[in-house]
């Protein structure tokens, strides 16, 4: 099904859920920066980007933290092993900017409340911590 196949009511409902969730997240976290699709904040020692897609509808978390040196072969292997066991997200090392990141995507099938948002976000941070400490040594 493409965006064009969705009824106007369904498109509007998805847009409303995404806008509501974005506004709720903004009120909860504040933001150091934002654009039409994403909010940027600091959260539990991570650079946090929360992005929204009205079409799908999705909420994407990207948590990033600096690495002190470029990734080694051992670190790349650790990231690969983490990804083999990670169900909801993916771990990565970016040597270009010198960081570790964890990315997870969640469906926005209903309006999000703060308690549920933090439950999802904190689970993402727990997984990011697990990955970061395994990779950073």
C-alpha atoms as a PDB file:
ATOM      1  CA  UNK A   1       0.000   0.000   0.000  1.00  0.00           C
ATOM      2  CA  UNK A   2       1.381   3.400  -0.906  1.00  0.00           C
ATOM      3  CA  UNK A   3       0.624   6.758   0.636  1.00  0.00           C
ATOM      4  CA  UNK A   4      -1.745   7.436  -2.248  1.00  0.00           C
ATOM      5  CA  UNK A   5      -3.730   4.287  -1.415  1.00  0.00           C
ATOM      6  CA  UNK A   6      -4.560   5.539   2.082  1.00  0.00           C
ATOM      7  CA  UNK A   7      -7.848   7.267   2.611  1.00  0.00           C
ATOM      8  CA  UNK A   8      -7.742  10.948   3.492  1.00  0.00           C
ATOM      9  CA  UNK A   9      -9.050  10.059   6.957  1.00  0.00           C
ATOM     10  CA  UNK A  10      -6.262   7.501   7.505  1.00  0.00           C
ATOM     11  CA  UNK A  11      -3.600   9.950   6.316  1.00  0.00           C
ATOM     12  CA  UNK A  12      -5.012  12.619   8.629  1.00  0.00           C
ATOM     13  CA  UNK A  13      -5.100  10.218  11.600  1.00  0.00           C
ATOM     14  CA  UNK A  14      -1.456   9.229  11.057  1.00  0.00           C
ATOM     15  CA  UNK A  15      -0.487  12.891  10.810  1.00  0.00           C
ATOM     16  CA  UNK A  16      -2.362  13.663  14.050  1.00  0.00           C
ATOM     17  CA  UNK A  17      -0.670  10.814  15.940  1.00  0.00           C
ATOM     18  CA  UNK A  18       2.778  11.922  14.752  1.00  0.00           C
ATOM     19  CA  UNK A  19       2.145  15.582  15.580  1.00  0.00           C
ATOM     20  CA  UNK A  20       0.701  14.725  19.002  1.00  0.00           C
ATOM     21  CA  UNK A  21       3.662  12.492  19.806  1.00  0.00           C
ATOM     22  CA  UNK A  22       6.185  15.049  18.586  1.00  0.00           C
ATOM     23  CA  UNK A  23       4.586  17.766  20.749  1.00  0.00           C
ATOM     24  CA  UNK A  24       4.495  15.449  23.775  1.00  0.00           C
ATOM     25  CA  UNK A  25       8.172  14.523  23.318  1.00  0.00           C
ATOM     26  CA  UNK A  26       9.118  18.172  22.904  1.00  0.00           C
ATOM     27  CA  UNK A  27       7.270  19.059  26.115  1.00  0.00           C
ATOM     28  CA  UNK A  28       8.921  16.184  27.994  1.00  0.00           C
ATOM     29  CA  UNK A  29      12.519  16.506  26.804  1.00  0.00           C
ATOM     30  CA  UNK A  30      12.815  19.993  25.485  1.00  0.00           C
ATOM     31  CA  UNK A  31      15.139  20.178  22.511  1.00  0.00           C
ATOM     32  CA  UNK A  32      18.486  21.747  21.808  1.00  0.00           C
ATOM     33  CA  UNK A  33      17.567  21.771  18.124  1.00  0.00           C
ATOM     34  CA  UNK A  34      14.758  20.656  15.839  1.00  0.00           C
ATOM     35  CA  UNK A  35      13.597  20.636  12.267  1.00  0.00           C
ATOM     36  CA  UNK A  36      10.449  19.439  10.554  1.00  0.00           C
ATOM     37  CA  UNK A  37      11.216  15.765  11.086  1.00  0.00           C
ATOM     38  CA  UNK A  38      13.468  15.507  14.152  1.00  0.00           C
ATOM     39  CA  UNK A  39      14.086  16.713  17.691  1.00  0.00           C
ATOM     40  CA  UNK A  40      17.583  16.785  19.194  1.00  0.00           C
ATOM     41  CA  UNK A  41      18.190  16.557  22.949  1.00  0.00           C
ATOM     42  CA  UNK A  42      20.707  15.365  25.511  1.00  0.00           C
ATOM     43  CA  UNK A  43      19.484  12.339  27.456  1.00  0.00           C
ATOM     44  CA  UNK A  44      21.324  10.198  30.009  1.00  0.00           C
ATOM     45  CA  UNK A  45      24.737  11.000  28.512  1.00  0.00           C
ATOM     46  CA  UNK A  46      23.683  10.499  24.892  1.00  0.00           C
ATOM     47  CA  UNK A  47      23.043  12.792  21.974  1.00  0.00           C
ATOM     48  CA  UNK A  48      19.426  11.851  21.218  1.00  0.00           C
ATOM     49  CA  UNK A  49      17.639  12.354  17.933  1.00  0.00           C
ATOM     50  CA  UNK A  50      13.953  11.454  17.789  1.00  0.00           C
ATOM     51  CA  UNK A  51      12.501  11.510  14.280  1.00  0.00           C
ATOM     52  CA  UNK A  52       8.917  11.110  13.137  1.00  0.00           C
ATOM     53  CA  UNK A  53       7.313   9.845   9.969  1.00  0.00           C
ATOM     54  CA  UNK A  54       3.659  10.691   9.459  1.00  0.00           C
ATOM     55  CA  UNK A  55       3.312   8.381   6.494  1.00  0.00           C
ATOM     56  CA  UNK A  56       4.240   5.091   8.108  1.00  0.00           C
ATOM     57  CA  UNK A  57       3.743   6.252  11.093  1.00  0.00           C
ATOM     58  CA  UNK A  58       7.049   5.749  12.890  1.00  0.00           C
ATOM     59  CA  UNK A  59       9.146   7.185  15.682  1.00  0.00           C
ATOM     60  CA  UNK A  60      12.886   6.603  15.309  1.00  0.00           C
ATOM     61  CA  UNK A  61      15.389   6.929  18.153  1.00  0.00           C
ATOM     62  CA  UNK A  62      19.068   7.479  17.473  1.00  0.00           C
ATOM     63  CA  UNK A  63      21.373   7.592  20.491  1.00  0.00           C
ATOM     64  CA  UNK A  64      25.009   8.538  19.927  1.00  0.00           C
ATOM     65  CA  UNK A  65      28.052   8.888  22.148  1.00  0.00           C
ATOM     66  CA  UNK A  66      31.664   9.834  21.397  1.00  0.00           C
ATOM     67  CA  UNK A  67      34.349   7.213  21.073  1.00  0.00           C
ATOM     68  CA  UNK A  68      37.824   8.341  22.061  1.00  0.00           C
ATOM     69  CA  UNK A  69      39.518   6.713  19.068  1.00  0.00           C
ATOM     70  CA  UNK A  70      38.558   5.171  15.714  1.00  0.00           C
ATOM     71  CA  UNK A  71      36.978   1.745  15.743  1.00  0.00           C
ATOM     72  CA  UNK A  72      39.281  -1.253  15.881  1.00  0.00           C
ATOM     73  CA  UNK A  73      38.698  -4.616  14.261  1.00  0.00           C
ATOM     74  CA  UNK A  74      37.669  -5.937  17.688  1.00  0.00           C
ATOM     75  CA  UNK A  75      35.117  -3.126  18.076  1.00  0.00           C
ATOM     76  CA  UNK A  76      33.683  -3.717  14.598  1.00  0.00           C
ATOM     77  CA  UNK A  77      33.338  -7.410  15.443  1.00  0.00           C
ATOM     78  CA  UNK A  78      31.608  -6.503  18.727  1.00  0.00           C
ATOM     79  CA  UNK A  79      29.134  -4.284  16.836  1.00  0.00           C
ATOM     80  CA  UNK A  80      28.416  -7.132  14.411  1.00  0.00           C
ATOM     81  CA  UNK A  81      27.839  -9.545  17.300  1.00  0.00           C
ATOM     82  CA  UNK A  82      25.538  -7.056  19.029  1.00  0.00           C
ATOM     83  CA  UNK A  83      23.492  -6.682  15.838  1.00  0.00           C
ATOM     84  CA  UNK A  84      23.119 -10.444  15.533  1.00  0.00           C
ATOM     85  CA  UNK A  85      21.437 -10.485  18.952  1.00  0.00           C
ATOM     86  CA  UNK A  86      19.566  -7.175  18.787  1.00  0.00           C
ATOM     87  CA  UNK A  87      15.928  -7.499  17.836  1.00  0.00           C
ATOM     88  CA  UNK A  88      14.627  -3.952  17.989  1.00  0.00           C
ATOM     89  CA  UNK A  89      17.570  -1.837  16.903  1.00  0.00           C
ATOM     90  CA  UNK A  90      21.042  -1.648  15.436  1.00  0.00           C
ATOM     91  CA  UNK A  91      24.473  -0.740  16.771  1.00  0.00           C
ATOM     92  CA  UNK A  92      27.053   1.129  14.691  1.00  0.00           C
ATOM     93  CA  UNK A  93      30.449   2.759  14.849  1.00  0.00           C
ATOM     94  CA  UNK A  94      31.040   5.862  12.763  1.00  0.00           C
ATOM     95  CA  UNK A  95      34.767   6.519  12.407  1.00  0.00           C
ATOM     96  CA  UNK A  96      34.143   9.683  10.398  1.00  0.00           C
ATOM     97  CA  UNK A  97      32.670  11.510  13.396  1.00  0.00           C
ATOM     98  CA  UNK A  98      34.130   9.240  16.088  1.00  0.00           C
ATOM     99  CA  UNK A  99      30.981   7.921  17.684  1.00  0.00           C
ATOM    100  CA  UNK A 100      28.999   4.869  18.631  1.00  0.00           C
ATOM    101  CA  UNK A 101      25.274   4.895  17.872  1.00  0.00           C
ATOM    102  CA  UNK A 102      22.202   2.823  18.537  1.00  0.00           C
ATOM    103  CA  UNK A 103      19.096   3.210  16.381  1.00  0.00           C
ATOM    104  CA  UNK A 104      15.626   1.788  17.009  1.00  0.00           C
ATOM    105  CA  UNK A 105      12.311   2.260  15.236  1.00  0.00           C
ATOM    106  CA  UNK A 106       8.865   2.039  16.846  1.00  0.00           C
ATOM    107  CA  UNK A 107       5.413   2.116  15.294  1.00  0.00           C
ATOM    108  CA  UNK A 108       3.127   4.963  16.263  1.00  0.00           C
ATOM    109  CA  UNK A 109      -0.102   3.041  15.994  1.00  0.00           C
ATOM    110  CA  UNK A 110      -1.710   4.998  18.812  1.00  0.00           C
ATOM    111  CA  UNK A 111      -1.125   8.291  20.566  1.00  0.00           C
ATOM    112  CA  UNK A 112       1.866   8.139  22.870  1.00  0.00           C
ATOM    113  CA  UNK A 113       1.696   9.122  26.540  1.00  0.00           C
ATOM    114  CA  UNK A 114       4.770  10.214  28.517  1.00  0.00           C
ATOM    115  CA  UNK A 115       4.970   7.010  30.577  1.00  0.00           C
ATOM    116  CA  UNK A 116       5.026   4.803  27.470  1.00  0.00           C
ATOM    117  CA  UNK A 117       7.478   7.123  25.707  1.00  0.00           C
ATOM    118  CA  UNK A 118       9.955   6.915  28.591  1.00  0.00           C
ATOM    119  CA  UNK A 119       9.511   3.156  28.839  1.00  0.00           C
ATOM    120  CA  UNK A 120      10.515   2.818  25.180  1.00  0.00           C
ATOM    121  CA  UNK A 121      13.276   5.437  25.381  1.00  0.00           C
ATOM    122  CA  UNK A 122      14.808   3.983  28.548  1.00  0.00           C
ATOM    123  CA  UNK A 123      14.838   0.495  27.025  1.00  0.00           C
ATOM    124  CA  UNK A 124      16.676   1.979  24.046  1.00  0.00           C
ATOM    125  CA  UNK A 125      19.178   3.671  26.367  1.00  0.00           C
ATOM    126  CA  UNK A 126      19.717   0.410  28.263  1.00  0.00           C
ATOM    127  CA  UNK A 127      20.479  -1.355  24.971  1.00  0.00           C
ATOM    128  CA  UNK A 128      22.704   1.533  23.853  1.00  0.00           C
ATOM    129  CA  UNK A 129      24.595   1.354  27.164  1.00  0.00           C
ATOM    130  CA  UNK A 130      25.080  -2.385  26.704  1.00  0.00           C
ATOM    131  CA  UNK A 131      26.433  -1.817  23.209  1.00  0.00           C
ATOM    132  CA  UNK A 132      28.574   1.199  24.060  1.00  0.00           C
ATOM    133  CA  UNK A 133      30.310  -0.486  27.006  1.00  0.00           C
ATOM    134  CA  UNK A 134      30.940  -3.646  25.011  1.00  0.00           C
ATOM    135  CA  UNK A 135      32.422  -1.625  22.135  1.00  0.00           C
ATOM    136  CA  UNK A 136      34.229   1.083  24.119  1.00  0.00           C
ATOM    137  CA  UNK A 137      35.754  -1.561  26.372  1.00  0.00           C
END
